[in-house]
C-alpha atoms as a PDB file:
ATOM      1  CA  MET A   1      15.687  17.033 -35.064  1.00  0.00           C
ATOM      2  CA  LYS A   2      17.296  16.544 -32.661  1.00  0.00           C
ATOM      3  CA  GLN A   3      15.597  18.993 -30.276  1.00  0.00           C
ATOM      4  CA  PHE A   4      12.392  17.760 -31.175  1.00  0.00           C
ATOM      5  CA  TYR A   5      13.164  14.404 -30.098  1.00  0.00           C
ATOM      6  CA  GLN A   6      14.570  15.292 -26.847  1.00  0.00           C
ATOM      7  CA  ILE A   7      11.553  17.102 -25.789  1.00  0.00           C
ATOM      8  CA  LYS A   8       9.225  14.198 -27.414  1.00  0.00           C
ATOM      9  CA  ALA A   9      11.090  11.578 -25.078  1.00  0.00           C
ATOM     10  CA  LYS A  10      10.053  13.815 -21.542  1.00  0.00           C
ATOM     11  CA  TYR A  11       6.722  14.751 -22.699  1.00  0.00           C
ATOM     12  CA  PRO A  12       5.378  12.013 -25.352  1.00  0.00           C
ATOM     13  CA  ASP A  13       1.753  12.584 -24.445  1.00  0.00           C
ATOM     14  CA  ALA A  14       2.023  15.928 -26.034  1.00  0.00           C
ATOM     15  CA  LEU A  15       1.855  17.462 -29.541  1.00  0.00           C
ATOM     16  CA  LEU A  16       4.919  19.452 -30.287  1.00  0.00           C
ATOM     17  CA  LEU A  17       4.884  22.449 -32.354  1.00  0.00           C
ATOM     18  CA  PHE A  18       8.428  24.105 -33.586  1.00  0.00           C
ATOM     19  CA  ARG A  19       8.309  27.997 -34.989  1.00  0.00           C
ATOM     20  CA  VAL A  20      10.597  27.525 -37.963  1.00  0.00           C
ATOM     21  CA  GLY A  21      10.839  30.876 -39.646  1.00  0.00           C
ATOM     22  CA  ASP A  22       7.298  31.905 -40.101  1.00  0.00           C
ATOM     23  CA  PHE A  23       5.763  28.693 -39.492  1.00  0.00           C
ATOM     24  CA  TYR A  24       4.843  26.267 -37.260  1.00  0.00           C
ATOM     25  CA  GLU A  25       5.911  22.845 -37.815  1.00  0.00           C
ATOM     26  CA  THR A  26       5.509  19.237 -36.220  1.00  0.00           C
ATOM     27  CA  PHE A  27       6.614  15.994 -37.253  1.00  0.00           C
ATOM     28  CA  GLY A  28       6.104  12.240 -36.951  1.00  0.00           C
ATOM     29  CA  ALA A  29       3.201  10.825 -35.271  1.00  0.00           C
ATOM     30  CA  ASP A  30       2.733  14.257 -34.368  1.00  0.00           C
ATOM     31  CA  ALA A  31       2.467  15.775 -37.880  1.00  0.00           C
ATOM     32  CA  ILE A  32      -0.063  12.869 -38.624  1.00  0.00           C
ATOM     33  CA  ARG A  33      -2.298  13.859 -35.571  1.00  0.00           C
ATOM     34  CA  THR A  34      -2.019  17.543 -36.566  1.00  0.00           C
ATOM     35  CA  SER A  35      -2.880  17.085 -40.266  1.00  0.00           C
ATOM     36  CA  ALA A  36      -5.872  15.120 -39.807  1.00  0.00           C
ATOM     37  CA  ILE A  37      -7.295  17.554 -36.744  1.00  0.00           C
ATOM     38  CA  LEU A  38      -6.387  20.751 -38.882  1.00  0.00           C
ATOM     39  CA  GLY A  39      -7.165  19.284 -42.419  1.00  0.00           C
ATOM     40  CA  ILE A  40      -3.860  20.441 -43.475  1.00  0.00           C
ATOM     41  CA  VAL A  41      -1.562  18.855 -45.836  1.00  0.00           C
ATOM     42  CA  LEU A  42       1.147  16.335 -44.568  1.00  0.00           C
ATOM     43  CA  THR A  43       4.449  16.299 -46.108  1.00  0.00           C
ATOM     44  CA  LYS A  44       7.569  14.859 -45.705  1.00  0.00           C
ATOM     45  CA  ARG A  45      11.288  16.070 -44.829  1.00  0.00           C
ATOM     46  CA  ARG A  46      14.671  14.536 -45.136  1.00  0.00           C
ATOM     47  CA  ASN A  47      15.622  12.991 -42.061  1.00  0.00           C
ATOM     48  CA  GLY A  48      19.487  11.640 -42.092  1.00  0.00           C
ATOM     49  CA  ALA A  49      20.986  10.564 -45.364  1.00  0.00           C
ATOM     50  CA  ALA A  50      18.184   8.107 -46.471  1.00  0.00           C
ATOM     51  CA  SER A  51      15.237   8.388 -44.656  1.00  0.00           C
ATOM     52  CA  PHE A  52      12.526  11.056 -44.105  1.00  0.00           C
ATOM     53  CA  VAL A  53       9.906  11.906 -41.569  1.00  0.00           C
ATOM     54  CA  GLU A  54       6.339  13.038 -41.895  1.00  0.00           C
ATOM     55  CA  LEU A  55       5.717  16.618 -41.723  1.00  0.00           C
ATOM     56  CA  ALA A  56       2.407  19.433 -40.945  1.00  0.00           C
ATOM     57  CA  GLY A  57       2.966  23.092 -40.594  1.00  0.00           C
ATOM     58  CA  PHE A  58       0.912  26.254 -40.990  1.00  0.00           C
ATOM     59  CA  PRO A  59       1.771  29.880 -41.089  1.00  0.00           C
ATOM     60  CA  TYR A  60       2.501  31.862 -37.809  1.00  0.00           C
END
């Protein structure tokens, strides 16, 4: 998540996709936007001890 936030700070208007294994994943507001555009499931991932971040992904 640290890498995502560092890149997002440099390119706030870009929609960032990260390859994680056999999936492309996106997080936070990008995940919300991606799930709406592509009609894919929006879920959450643990982000630290007590918080969660939105997640959307699709196969590579």
